[in-house]
Protein backbone atom coordinates (compact mmCIF):
# COMPACT_ATOMS: atom_id res chain seq x y z
CA MET A 1 25.77 20.49 -8.28
CA THR A 2 23.46 17.51 -7.88
CA HIS A 3 22.03 16.41 -4.54
CA TRP A 4 20.49 13.26 -2.99
CA ILE A 5 18.28 13.20 -0.21
CA ILE A 6 18.30 9.64 1.82
CA ARG A 7 15.72 8.70 4.49
CA HIS A 8 16.39 6.02 6.97
CA LYS A 9 14.94 4.46 9.90
CA VAL A 10 17.69 3.28 12.20
CA GLU A 11 17.65 0.84 15.36
CA ASP A 12 19.63 3.14 17.20
CA PHE A 13 20.93 6.64 15.99
CA ASP A 14 24.38 6.40 18.10
CA ARG A 15 25.35 2.92 16.49
CA TRP A 16 24.48 4.28 13.34
CA LYS A 17 26.42 7.36 13.27
CA LEU A 18 29.49 5.57 14.39
CA VAL A 19 29.38 3.35 11.22
CA PHE A 20 28.20 6.24 9.02
CA ASP A 21 31.33 8.30 10.22
CA ASP A 22 33.72 5.29 9.85
CA HIS A 23 32.45 4.89 6.03
CA ASP A 24 32.88 8.58 5.25
CA GLU A 25 36.27 8.17 3.11
CA THR A 26 34.42 5.25 1.25
CA ARG A 27 31.54 7.26 0.22
CA ARG A 28 33.81 10.18 -0.87
CA ALA A 29 35.99 7.74 -2.97
CA ASN A 30 32.47 6.77 -4.64
CA GLY A 31 31.32 10.09 -5.63
CA PHE A 32 29.91 11.50 -2.55
CA GLY A 33 30.99 14.97 -1.20
CA GLY A 34 29.86 16.87 1.80
CA PHE A 35 26.30 16.25 3.48
CA GLN A 36 23.87 17.39 5.96
CA LEU A 37 22.51 15.42 8.34
CA PHE A 38 19.14 15.85 10.11
CA GLN A 39 16.87 13.69 12.76
CA THR A 40 13.26 13.97 12.49
CA ALA A 41 11.60 15.69 15.69
CA GLU A 42 9.20 12.87 15.99
CA ASN A 43 11.60 10.05 15.75
CA PRO A 44 15.49 10.74 16.71
CA ASN A 45 16.28 7.30 14.97
CA GLU A 46 14.67 8.39 11.67
CA VAL A 47 17.42 10.35 9.95
CA VAL A 48 17.69 12.25 6.42
CA ILE A 49 20.91 13.17 4.88
CA LEU A 50 21.42 15.61 2.15
CA PHE A 51 24.30 14.64 0.09
CA GLU A 52 26.35 16.64 -2.37
CA ILE A 53 27.10 14.32 -5.62
CA LYS A 54 30.11 14.83 -7.19
CA ASP A 55 30.23 11.97 -9.92
CA VAL A 56 26.53 10.56 -10.32
CA ASN A 57 27.74 7.48 -12.04
CA LEU A 58 30.07 6.28 -9.51
CA ALA A 59 27.68 7.04 -6.69
CA LYS A 60 24.66 5.40 -8.23
CA GLN A 61 27.07 2.32 -8.70
CA PHE A 62 27.90 2.56 -4.88
CA ALA A 63 24.36 3.04 -4.02
CA VAL A 64 23.40 -0.63 -5.09
CA SER A 65 26.92 -1.92 -4.06
CA THR A 66 27.34 -5.02 -1.63
CA ASP A 67 29.66 -3.00 0.54
CA LEU A 68 26.89 -0.30 1.24
CA ARG A 69 24.25 -2.88 1.98
CA ASN A 70 26.41 -4.59 4.52
CA GLU A 71 27.51 -1.51 6.11
CA MET A 72 23.61 -0.53 6.40
CA LYS A 73 23.27 -3.69 7.99
CA LYS A 74 26.13 -3.23 10.44
CA ALA A 75 24.60 0.04 11.15
CA GLY A 76 21.13 -1.11 11.84
CA VAL A 77 19.26 0.71 9.12
CA SER A 78 15.73 -0.87 9.59
CA ASP A 79 14.19 0.34 6.26
């Protein structure tokens, strides 16, 4: 099984989490499986996500998609 680790700094965790949860079906349709979500102890607005990847090529395409970039902007991802 392939995994990806993603780290984001977000403006507001609660706002980010709502958008992240709403986008779950789209992620799954684009090669992503389950995930584990972590917040760093020093900054609750820094998140780390460990994703299971079911289709690497599809996930890579989605990772650079306009749809994902727009959702990240809407969610307040700051880096």
